[in-house]
């Protein structure tokens, strides 16, 4: 059985949230966008732990990409994905803002 993603909400409101997310070995995220009903949606992700192999984030248009560790992007506007994590795990601290 493949382990599930753990998503721990640190803070959540209608417009702002902070989550601690762990992606296990063999997990991947298919290319997608995150539509919102209203406004603009921004995500700022900090990769705290990189997968030993795989787990590469791809976005069709990042606003900021620092060292493949810090990403600011518009998930509502641009497709994004994470390649299969071949070994290890991927851990994020994710900030989301919908304005």
PDB file of N, CA and C in Angstrom:
ATOM      1  N   UNK A   1       0.833  -1.188   0.000  1.00  0.00           N
ATOM      2  CA  UNK A   1       0.000   0.000   0.000  1.00  0.00           C
ATOM      3  C   UNK A   1       0.877   1.249   0.000  1.00  0.00           C
ATOM      4  N   UNK A   2       0.506   2.211  -0.805  1.00  0.00           N
ATOM      5  CA  UNK A   2       1.258   3.465  -0.877  1.00  0.00           C
ATOM      6  C   UNK A   2       0.827   4.374   0.264  1.00  0.00           C
ATOM      7  N   UNK A   3       1.807   4.946   0.951  1.00  0.00           N
ATOM      8  CA  UNK A   3       1.505   5.861   2.048  1.00  0.00           C
ATOM      9  C   UNK A   3       0.793   7.099   1.525  1.00  0.00           C
ATOM     10  N   UNK A   4      -0.031   7.686   2.362  1.00  0.00           N
ATOM     11  CA  UNK A   4      -0.806   8.860   1.969  1.00  0.00           C
ATOM     12  C   UNK A   4      -0.065  10.150   2.312  1.00  0.00           C
ATOM     13  N   UNK A   5      -0.424  11.187   1.600  1.00  0.00           N
ATOM     14  CA  UNK A   5       0.086  12.519   1.890  1.00  0.00           C
ATOM     15  C   UNK A   5      -0.502  12.958   3.224  1.00  0.00           C
ATOM     16  N   UNK A   6       0.331  13.561   4.071  1.00  0.00           N
ATOM     17  CA  UNK A   6      -0.197  14.139   5.308  1.00  0.00           C
ATOM     18  C   UNK A   6      -0.175  15.654   5.156  1.00  0.00           C
ATOM     19  N   UNK A   7      -1.305  16.261   5.445  1.00  0.00           N
ATOM     20  CA  UNK A   7      -1.463  17.700   5.309  1.00  0.00           C
ATOM     21  C   UNK A   7      -1.979  18.236   6.641  1.00  0.00           C
ATOM     22  N   UNK A   8      -1.096  18.869   7.401  1.00  0.00           N
ATOM     23  CA  UNK A   8      -1.463  19.396   8.712  1.00  0.00           C
ATOM     24  C   UNK A   8      -1.701  20.898   8.600  1.00  0.00           C
ATOM     25  N   UNK A   9      -2.927  21.306   8.863  1.00  0.00           N
ATOM     26  CA  UNK A   9      -3.263  22.731   8.825  1.00  0.00           C
ATOM     27  C   UNK A   9      -2.712  23.400  10.084  1.00  0.00           C
ATOM     28  N   UNK A  10      -1.872  24.398   9.886  1.00  0.00           N
ATOM     29  CA  UNK A  10      -1.336  25.178  11.002  1.00  0.00           C
ATOM     30  C   UNK A  10      -2.257  26.356  11.278  1.00  0.00           C
ATOM     31  N   UNK A  11      -2.749  26.943  10.194  1.00  0.00           N
ATOM     32  CA  UNK A  11      -3.699  28.059  10.293  1.00  0.00           C
ATOM     33  C   UNK A  11      -4.575  28.036   9.054  1.00  0.00           C
ATOM     34  N   UNK A  12      -5.848  28.365   9.227  1.00  0.00           N
ATOM     35  CA  UNK A  12      -6.732  28.397   8.071  1.00  0.00           C
ATOM     36  C   UNK A  12      -7.834  29.427   8.270  1.00  0.00           C
ATOM     37  N   UNK A  13      -7.988  30.288   7.256  1.00  0.00           N
ATOM     38  CA  UNK A  13      -9.097  31.231   7.229  1.00  0.00           C
ATOM     39  C   UNK A  13      -9.621  31.282   5.798  1.00  0.00           C
ATOM     40  N   UNK A  14     -10.594  32.089   5.556  1.00  0.00           N
ATOM     41  CA  UNK A  14     -11.187  32.178   4.226  1.00  0.00           C
ATOM     42  C   UNK A  14     -10.186  32.651   3.178  1.00  0.00           C
ATOM     43  N   UNK A  15      -9.230  33.495   3.555  1.00  0.00           N
ATOM     44  CA  UNK A  15      -8.296  34.073   2.583  1.00  0.00           C
ATOM     45  C   UNK A  15      -6.842  33.635   2.742  1.00  0.00           C
ATOM     46  N   UNK A  16      -6.491  33.045   3.889  1.00  0.00           N
ATOM     47  CA  UNK A  16      -5.088  32.716   4.143  1.00  0.00           C
ATOM     48  C   UNK A  16      -4.985  31.385   4.873  1.00  0.00           C
ATOM     49  N   UNK A  17      -4.014  30.566   4.480  1.00  0.00           N
ATOM     50  CA  UNK A  17      -3.788  29.311   5.196  1.00  0.00           C
ATOM     51  C   UNK A  17      -2.303  28.965   5.190  1.00  0.00           C
ATOM     52  N   UNK A  18      -1.933  28.191   6.205  1.00  0.00           N
ATOM     53  CA  UNK A  18      -0.575  27.674   6.330  1.00  0.00           C
ATOM     54  C   UNK A  18      -0.697  26.174   6.571  1.00  0.00           C
ATOM     55  N   UNK A  19       0.036  25.385   5.781  1.00  0.00           N
ATOM     56  CA  UNK A  19      -0.019  23.932   5.906  1.00  0.00           C
ATOM     57  C   UNK A  19       1.380  23.334   5.911  1.00  0.00           C
ATOM     58  N   UNK A  20       1.516  22.256   6.670  1.00  0.00           N
ATOM     59  CA  UNK A  20       2.735  21.456   6.713  1.00  0.00           C
ATOM     60  C   UNK A  20       2.398  20.152   5.995  1.00  0.00           C
ATOM     61  N   UNK A  21       3.025  19.935   4.840  1.00  0.00           N
ATOM     62  CA  UNK A  21       2.629  18.829   3.963  1.00  0.00           C
ATOM     63  C   UNK A  21       3.808  17.873   3.755  1.00  0.00           C
ATOM     64  N   UNK A  22       3.540  16.582   3.928  1.00  0.00           N
ATOM     65  CA  UNK A  22       4.557  15.555   3.706  1.00  0.00           C
ATOM     66  C   UNK A  22       4.088  14.614   2.603  1.00  0.00           C
ATOM     67  N   UNK A  23       4.907  14.492   1.557  1.00  0.00           N
ATOM     68  CA  UNK A  23       4.646  13.587   0.437  1.00  0.00           C
ATOM     69  C   UNK A  23       5.579  12.393   0.580  1.00  0.00           C
ATOM     70  N   UNK A  24       5.054  11.171   0.641  1.00  0.00           N
ATOM     71  CA  UNK A  24       5.892   9.979   0.837  1.00  0.00           C
ATOM     72  C   UNK A  24       6.477   9.443  -0.467  1.00  0.00           C
ATOM     73  N   UNK A  25       7.331   8.446  -0.334  1.00  0.00           N
ATOM     74  CA  UNK A  25       7.885   7.722  -1.483  1.00  0.00           C
ATOM     75  C   UNK A  25       6.747   7.182  -2.353  1.00  0.00           C
ATOM     76  N   UNK A  26       6.959   7.230  -3.648  1.00  0.00           N
ATOM     77  CA  UNK A  26       6.037   6.758  -4.680  1.00  0.00           C
ATOM     78  C   UNK A  26       4.885   7.722  -4.973  1.00  0.00           C
ATOM     79  N   UNK A  27       4.803   8.817  -4.276  1.00  0.00           N
ATOM     80  CA  UNK A  27       3.726   9.769  -4.530  1.00  0.00           C
ATOM     81  C   UNK A  27       4.139  10.726  -5.652  1.00  0.00           C
ATOM     82  N   UNK A  28       3.155  11.171  -6.405  1.00  0.00           N
ATOM     83  CA  UNK A  28       3.377  12.201  -7.414  1.00  0.00           C
ATOM     84  C   UNK A  28       2.113  13.056  -7.477  1.00  0.00           C
ATOM     85  N   UNK A  29       2.247  14.229  -8.061  1.00  0.00           N
ATOM     86  CA  UNK A  29       1.098  15.120  -8.244  1.00  0.00           C
ATOM     87  C   UNK A  29       0.983  15.382  -9.740  1.00  0.00           C
ATOM     88  N   UNK A  30      -0.139  14.980 -10.306  1.00  0.00           N
ATOM     89  CA  UNK A  30      -0.367  15.175 -11.735  1.00  0.00           C
ATOM     90  C   UNK A  30      -0.458  16.664 -12.065  1.00  0.00           C
ATOM     91  N   UNK A  31      -0.174  16.996 -13.304  1.00  0.00           N
ATOM     92  CA  UNK A  31      -0.265  18.374 -13.767  1.00  0.00           C
ATOM     93  C   UNK A  31      -1.721  18.836 -13.616  1.00  0.00           C
ATOM     94  N   UNK A  32      -1.893  19.984 -12.965  1.00  0.00           N
ATOM     95  CA  UNK A  32      -3.231  20.509 -12.720  1.00  0.00           C
ATOM     96  C   UNK A  32      -3.154  21.993 -12.377  1.00  0.00           C
ATOM     97  N   UNK A  33      -4.302  22.631 -12.307  1.00  0.00           N
ATOM     98  CA  UNK A  33      -4.402  23.982 -11.753  1.00  0.00           C
ATOM     99  C   UNK A  33      -5.479  23.932 -10.672  1.00  0.00           C
ATOM    100  N   UNK A  34      -5.490  24.919  -9.801  1.00  0.00           N
ATOM    101  CA  UNK A  34      -6.419  24.967  -8.671  1.00  0.00           C
ATOM    102  C   UNK A  34      -7.378  26.140  -8.851  1.00  0.00           C
ATOM    103  N   UNK A  35      -8.518  25.916  -9.509  1.00  0.00           N
ATOM    104  CA  UNK A  35      -9.432  27.031  -9.752  1.00  0.00           C
ATOM    105  C   UNK A  35     -10.020  27.578  -8.453  1.00  0.00           C
ATOM    106  N   UNK A  36     -10.238  28.865  -8.436  1.00  0.00           N
ATOM    107  CA  UNK A  36     -10.909  29.515  -7.313  1.00  0.00           C
ATOM    108  C   UNK A  36     -12.161  30.202  -7.843  1.00  0.00           C
ATOM    109  N   UNK A  37     -13.149  30.332  -6.984  1.00  0.00           N
ATOM    110  CA  UNK A  37     -14.405  30.946  -7.410  1.00  0.00           C
ATOM    111  C   UNK A  37     -14.247  32.435  -7.661  1.00  0.00           C
ATOM    112  N   UNK A  38     -13.364  33.051  -6.880  1.00  0.00           N
ATOM    113  CA  UNK A  38     -13.257  34.504  -6.933  1.00  0.00           C
ATOM    114  C   UNK A  38     -11.845  34.927  -6.541  1.00  0.00           C
ATOM    115  N   UNK A  39     -11.336  35.959  -7.200  1.00  0.00           N
ATOM    116  CA  UNK A  39     -10.061  36.538  -6.799  1.00  0.00           C
ATOM    117  C   UNK A  39      -8.849  35.869  -7.429  1.00  0.00           C
ATOM    118  N   UNK A  40      -7.703  36.171  -6.824  1.00  0.00           N
ATOM    119  CA  UNK A  40      -6.417  35.625  -7.260  1.00  0.00           C
ATOM    120  C   UNK A  40      -5.875  34.733  -6.150  1.00  0.00           C
ATOM    121  N   UNK A  41      -5.264  33.637  -6.556  1.00  0.00           N
ATOM    122  CA  UNK A  41      -4.762  32.640  -5.615  1.00  0.00           C
ATOM    123  C   UNK A  41      -3.244  32.570  -5.748  1.00  0.00           C
ATOM    124  N   UNK A  42      -2.548  32.732  -4.631  1.00  0.00           N
ATOM    125  CA  UNK A  42      -1.089  32.663  -4.607  1.00  0.00           C
ATOM    126  C   UNK A  42      -0.657  31.582  -3.631  1.00  0.00           C
ATOM    127  N   UNK A  43       0.429  30.890  -3.964  1.00  0.00           N
ATOM    128  CA  UNK A  43       1.041  29.948  -3.029  1.00  0.00           C
ATOM    129  C   UNK A  43       2.527  30.245  -2.917  1.00  0.00           C
ATOM    130  N   UNK A  44       3.008  30.195  -1.692  1.00  0.00           N
ATOM    131  CA  UNK A  44       4.427  30.323  -1.390  1.00  0.00           C
ATOM    132  C   UNK A  44       4.822  29.039  -0.676  1.00  0.00           C
ATOM    133  N   UNK A  45       5.588  28.200  -1.355  1.00  0.00           N
ATOM    134  CA  UNK A  45       5.997  26.911  -0.802  1.00  0.00           C
ATOM    135  C   UNK A  45       7.479  26.911  -0.478  1.00  0.00           C
ATOM    136  N   UNK A  46       7.788  26.459   0.732  1.00  0.00           N
ATOM    137  CA  UNK A  46       9.163  26.260   1.169  1.00  0.00           C
ATOM    138  C   UNK A  46       9.395  24.761   1.257  1.00  0.00           C
ATOM    139  N   UNK A  47      10.330  24.232   0.485  1.00  0.00           N
ATOM    140  CA  UNK A  47      10.665  22.806   0.543  1.00  0.00           C
ATOM    141  C   UNK A  47      11.632  22.622   1.707  1.00  0.00           C
ATOM    142  N   UNK A  48      11.130  22.043   2.789  1.00  0.00           N
ATOM    143  CA  UNK A  48      11.948  21.837   3.986  1.00  0.00           C
ATOM    144  C   UNK A  48      12.828  20.606   3.858  1.00  0.00           C
ATOM    145  N   UNK A  49      12.282  19.555   3.232  1.00  0.00           N
ATOM    146  CA  UNK A  49      13.029  18.317   3.001  1.00  0.00           C
ATOM    147  C   UNK A  49      12.814  17.920   1.546  1.00  0.00           C
ATOM    148  N   UNK A  50      13.896  17.769   0.818  1.00  0.00           N
ATOM    149  CA  UNK A  50      13.817  17.294  -0.564  1.00  0.00           C
ATOM    150  C   UNK A  50      13.814  15.776  -0.584  1.00  0.00           C
ATOM    151  N   UNK A  51      13.127  15.214  -1.559  1.00  0.00           N
ATOM    152  CA  UNK A  51      13.190  13.762  -1.761  1.00  0.00           C
ATOM    153  C   UNK A  51      14.621  13.393  -2.144  1.00  0.00           C
ATOM    154  N   UNK A  52      15.060  12.202  -1.778  1.00  0.00           N
ATOM    155  CA  UNK A  52      16.397  11.753  -2.160  1.00  0.00           C
ATOM    156  C   UNK A  52      16.488  11.593  -3.674  1.00  0.00           C
ATOM    157  N   UNK A  53      15.368  11.159  -4.279  1.00  0.00           N
ATOM    158  CA  UNK A  53      15.317  10.992  -5.724  1.00  0.00           C
ATOM    159  C   UNK A  53      13.890  11.292  -6.186  1.00  0.00           C
ATOM    160  N   UNK A  54      13.775  12.089  -7.248  1.00  0.00           N
ATOM    161  CA  UNK A  54      12.455  12.460  -7.761  1.00  0.00           C
ATOM    162  C   UNK A  54      11.850  13.594  -6.957  1.00  0.00           C
ATOM    163  N   UNK A  55      10.530  13.736  -7.066  1.00  0.00           N
ATOM    164  CA  UNK A  55       9.827  14.771  -6.310  1.00  0.00           C
ATOM    165  C   UNK A  55      10.134  16.173  -6.791  1.00  0.00           C
ATOM    166  N   UNK A  56      10.315  16.348  -8.093  1.00  0.00           N
ATOM    167  CA  UNK A  56      10.672  17.649  -8.650  1.00  0.00           C
ATOM    168  C   UNK A  56       9.404  18.443  -8.973  1.00  0.00           C
ATOM    169  N   UNK A  57       9.330  19.658  -8.456  1.00  0.00           N
ATOM    170  CA  UNK A  57       8.197  20.547  -8.707  1.00  0.00           C
ATOM    171  C   UNK A  57       8.368  21.205 -10.071  1.00  0.00           C
ATOM    172  N   UNK A  58       7.298  21.242 -10.832  1.00  0.00           N
ATOM    173  CA  UNK A  58       7.294  21.935 -12.112  1.00  0.00           C
ATOM    174  C   UNK A  58       6.079  22.839 -12.165  1.00  0.00           C
ATOM    175  N   UNK A  59       6.279  24.029 -12.691  1.00  0.00           N
ATOM    176  CA  UNK A  59       5.202  24.998 -12.844  1.00  0.00           C
ATOM    177  C   UNK A  59       5.411  25.712 -14.172  1.00  0.00           C
ATOM    178  N   UNK A  60       4.327  25.892 -14.909  1.00  0.00           N
ATOM    179  CA  UNK A  60       4.459  26.517 -16.227  1.00  0.00           C
ATOM    180  C   UNK A  60       4.902  27.974 -16.132  1.00  0.00           C
ATOM    181  N   UNK A  61       4.706  28.607 -14.968  1.00  0.00           N
ATOM    182  CA  UNK A  61       5.160  29.986 -14.804  1.00  0.00           C
ATOM    183  C   UNK A  61       5.266  30.339 -13.321  1.00  0.00           C
ATOM    184  N   UNK A  62       6.457  30.193 -12.755  1.00  0.00           N
ATOM    185  CA  UNK A  62       6.692  30.583 -11.353  1.00  0.00           C
ATOM    186  C   UNK A  62       6.990  32.074 -11.282  1.00  0.00           C
ATOM    187  N   UNK A  63       6.459  32.725 -10.271  1.00  0.00           N
ATOM    188  CA  UNK A  63       6.793  34.129 -10.024  1.00  0.00           C
ATOM    189  C   UNK A  63       8.203  34.187  -9.446  1.00  0.00           C
ATOM    190  N   UNK A  64       8.461  33.291  -8.480  1.00  0.00           N
ATOM    191  CA  UNK A  64       9.789  33.177  -7.870  1.00  0.00           C
ATOM    192  C   UNK A  64      10.134  31.698  -7.737  1.00  0.00           C
ATOM    193  N   UNK A  65      11.372  31.355  -8.065  1.00  0.00           N
ATOM    194  CA  UNK A  65      11.924  30.025  -7.829  1.00  0.00           C
ATOM    195  C   UNK A  65      13.347  30.243  -7.326  1.00  0.00           C
ATOM    196  N   UNK A  66      13.535  30.081  -6.019  1.00  0.00           N
ATOM    197  CA  UNK A  66      14.859  30.250  -5.419  1.00  0.00           C
ATOM    198  C   UNK A  66      15.459  28.889  -5.100  1.00  0.00           C
ATOM    199  N   UNK A  67      16.495  28.527  -5.842  1.00  0.00           N
ATOM    200  CA  UNK A  67      17.281  27.322  -5.568  1.00  0.00           C
ATOM    201  C   UNK A  67      16.439  26.041  -5.578  1.00  0.00           C
ATOM    202  N   UNK A  68      15.328  26.041  -6.280  1.00  0.00           N
ATOM    203  CA  UNK A  68      14.398  24.901  -6.291  1.00  0.00           C
ATOM    204  C   UNK A  68      13.974  24.498  -4.877  1.00  0.00           C
ATOM    205  N   UNK A  69      13.877  25.498  -4.011  1.00  0.00           N
ATOM    206  CA  UNK A  69      13.474  25.289  -2.618  1.00  0.00           C
ATOM    207  C   UNK A  69      12.323  26.203  -2.211  1.00  0.00           C
ATOM    208  N   UNK A  70      12.262  27.390  -2.819  1.00  0.00           N
ATOM    209  CA  UNK A  70      11.227  28.370  -2.469  1.00  0.00           C
ATOM    210  C   UNK A  70      10.503  28.752  -3.759  1.00  0.00           C
ATOM    211  N   UNK A  71       9.194  28.525  -3.750  1.00  0.00           N
ATOM    212  CA  UNK A  71       8.392  28.790  -4.947  1.00  0.00           C
ATOM    213  C   UNK A  71       7.222  29.705  -4.610  1.00  0.00           C
ATOM    214  N   UNK A  72       7.088  30.759  -5.395  1.00  0.00           N
ATOM    215  CA  UNK A  72       5.889  31.598  -5.344  1.00  0.00           C
ATOM    216  C   UNK A  72       5.240  31.462  -6.710  1.00  0.00           C
ATOM    217  N   UNK A  73       3.960  31.073  -6.727  1.00  0.00           N
ATOM    218  CA  UNK A  73       3.290  30.855  -8.001  1.00  0.00           C
ATOM    219  C   UNK A  73       1.791  31.052  -7.853  1.00  0.00           C
ATOM    220  N   UNK A  74       1.127  31.111  -8.990  1.00  0.00           N
ATOM    221  CA  UNK A  74      -0.328  31.263  -9.056  1.00  0.00           C
ATOM    222  C   UNK A  74      -0.926  29.911  -9.444  1.00  0.00           C
ATOM    223  N   UNK A  75      -1.340  29.098  -8.469  1.00  0.00           N
ATOM    224  CA  UNK A  75      -1.882  27.778  -8.793  1.00  0.00           C
ATOM    225  C   UNK A  75      -3.222  27.833  -9.521  1.00  0.00           C
ATOM    226  N   UNK A  76      -3.909  28.966  -9.437  1.00  0.00           N
ATOM    227  CA  UNK A  76      -5.184  29.117 -10.137  1.00  0.00           C
ATOM    228  C   UNK A  76      -4.986  29.406 -11.621  1.00  0.00           C
ATOM    229  N   UNK A  77      -3.841  29.946 -11.962  1.00  0.00           N
ATOM    230  CA  UNK A  77      -3.594  30.424 -13.320  1.00  0.00           C
ATOM    231  C   UNK A  77      -2.667  29.524 -14.125  1.00  0.00           C
ATOM    232  N   UNK A  78      -1.745  28.853 -13.454  1.00  0.00           N
ATOM    233  CA  UNK A  78      -0.723  28.070 -14.149  1.00  0.00           C
ATOM    234  C   UNK A  78      -0.709  26.620 -13.673  1.00  0.00           C
ATOM    235  N   UNK A  79      -0.530  25.708 -14.624  1.00  0.00           N
ATOM    236  CA  UNK A  79      -0.451  24.295 -14.282  1.00  0.00           C
ATOM    237  C   UNK A  79       0.835  24.005 -13.513  1.00  0.00           C
ATOM    238  N   UNK A  80       0.738  23.083 -12.580  1.00  0.00           N
ATOM    239  CA  UNK A  80       1.895  22.690 -11.777  1.00  0.00           C
ATOM    240  C   UNK A  80       1.779  21.203 -11.445  1.00  0.00           C
ATOM    241  N   UNK A  81       2.916  20.595 -11.109  1.00  0.00           N
ATOM    242  CA  UNK A  81       2.958  19.166 -10.818  1.00  0.00           C
ATOM    243  C   UNK A  81       4.212  18.847 -10.001  1.00  0.00           C
ATOM    244  N   UNK A  82       4.253  17.619  -9.496  1.00  0.00           N
ATOM    245  CA  UNK A  82       5.440  17.099  -8.803  1.00  0.00           C
ATOM    246  C   UNK A  82       5.693  15.704  -9.366  1.00  0.00           C
ATOM    247  N   UNK A  83       6.921  15.471  -9.834  1.00  0.00           N
ATOM    248  CA  UNK A  83       7.261  14.155 -10.370  1.00  0.00           C
ATOM    249  C   UNK A  83       7.252  13.115  -9.256  1.00  0.00           C
ATOM    250  N   UNK A  84       7.204  11.851  -9.653  1.00  0.00           N
ATOM    251  CA  UNK A  84       7.147  10.752  -8.693  1.00  0.00           C
ATOM    252  C   UNK A  84       8.353  10.779  -7.762  1.00  0.00           C
ATOM    253  N   UNK A  85       8.093  10.626  -6.488  1.00  0.00           N
ATOM    254  CA  UNK A  85       9.159  10.553  -5.488  1.00  0.00           C
ATOM    255  C   UNK A  85       9.679   9.118  -5.486  1.00  0.00           C
ATOM    256  N   UNK A  86      10.865   8.947  -6.017  1.00  0.00           N
ATOM    257  CA  UNK A  86      11.458   7.617  -6.150  1.00  0.00           C
ATOM    258  C   UNK A  86      11.974   7.092  -4.809  1.00  0.00           C
ATOM    259  N   UNK A  87      12.574   7.977  -4.010  1.00  0.00           N
ATOM    260  CA  UNK A  87      13.026   7.580  -2.671  1.00  0.00           C
ATOM    261  C   UNK A  87      13.028   8.798  -1.762  1.00  0.00           C
ATOM    262  N   UNK A  88      12.843   8.526  -0.482  1.00  0.00           N
ATOM    263  CA  UNK A  88      12.776   9.607   0.498  1.00  0.00           C
ATOM    264  C   UNK A  88      11.384  10.207   0.551  1.00  0.00           C
ATOM    265  N   UNK A  89      11.310  11.403   1.079  1.00  0.00           N
ATOM    266  CA  UNK A  89      10.039  12.111   1.170  1.00  0.00           C
ATOM    267  C   UNK A  89      10.266  13.577   0.854  1.00  0.00           C
ATOM    268  N   UNK A  90       9.183  14.267   0.593  1.00  0.00           N
ATOM    269  CA  UNK A  90       9.222  15.698   0.280  1.00  0.00           C
ATOM    270  C   UNK A  90       8.335  16.393   1.299  1.00  0.00           C
ATOM    271  N   UNK A  91       8.900  17.383   1.988  1.00  0.00           N
ATOM    272  CA  UNK A  91       8.158  18.079   3.043  1.00  0.00           C
ATOM    273  C   UNK A  91       8.113  19.561   2.717  1.00  0.00           C
ATOM    274  N   UNK A  92       6.897  20.127   2.780  1.00  0.00           N
ATOM    275  CA  UNK A  92       6.688  21.553   2.466  1.00  0.00           C
ATOM    276  C   UNK A  92       6.077  22.294   3.630  1.00  0.00           C
ATOM    277  N   UNK A  93       6.404  23.569   3.705  1.00  0.00           N
ATOM    278  CA  UNK A  93       5.631  24.524   4.490  1.00  0.00           C
ATOM    279  C   UNK A  93       4.991  25.412   3.433  1.00  0.00           C
ATOM    280  N   UNK A  94       3.669  25.386   3.371  1.00  0.00           N
ATOM    281  CA  UNK A  94       2.942  26.034   2.292  1.00  0.00           C
ATOM    282  C   UNK A  94       2.039  27.148   2.816  1.00  0.00           C
ATOM    283  N   UNK A  95       2.193  28.324   2.229  1.00  0.00           N
ATOM    284  CA  UNK A  95       1.350  29.477   2.564  1.00  0.00           C
ATOM    285  C   UNK A  95       0.465  29.769   1.359  1.00  0.00           C
ATOM    286  N   UNK A  96      -0.834  29.885   1.581  1.00  0.00           N
ATOM    287  CA  UNK A  96      -1.769  30.144   0.488  1.00  0.00           C
ATOM    288  C   UNK A  96      -2.553  31.411   0.791  1.00  0.00           C
ATOM    289  N   UNK A  97      -2.727  32.237  -0.243  1.00  0.00           N
ATOM    290  CA  UNK A  97      -3.444  33.498  -0.104  1.00  0.00           C
ATOM    291  C   UNK A  97      -4.416  33.628  -1.272  1.00  0.00           C
ATOM    292  N   UNK A  98      -5.683  33.859  -0.963  1.00  0.00           N
ATOM    293  CA  UNK A  98      -6.708  34.062  -1.978  1.00  0.00           C
ATOM    294  C   UNK A  98      -7.292  35.452  -1.773  1.00  0.00           C
ATOM    295  N   UNK A  99      -6.915  36.391  -2.697  1.00  0.00           N
ATOM    296  CA  UNK A  99      -7.359  37.782  -2.554  1.00  0.00           C
ATOM    297  C   UNK A  99      -8.197  38.212  -3.750  1.00  0.00           C
TER     298      UNK A  99
END
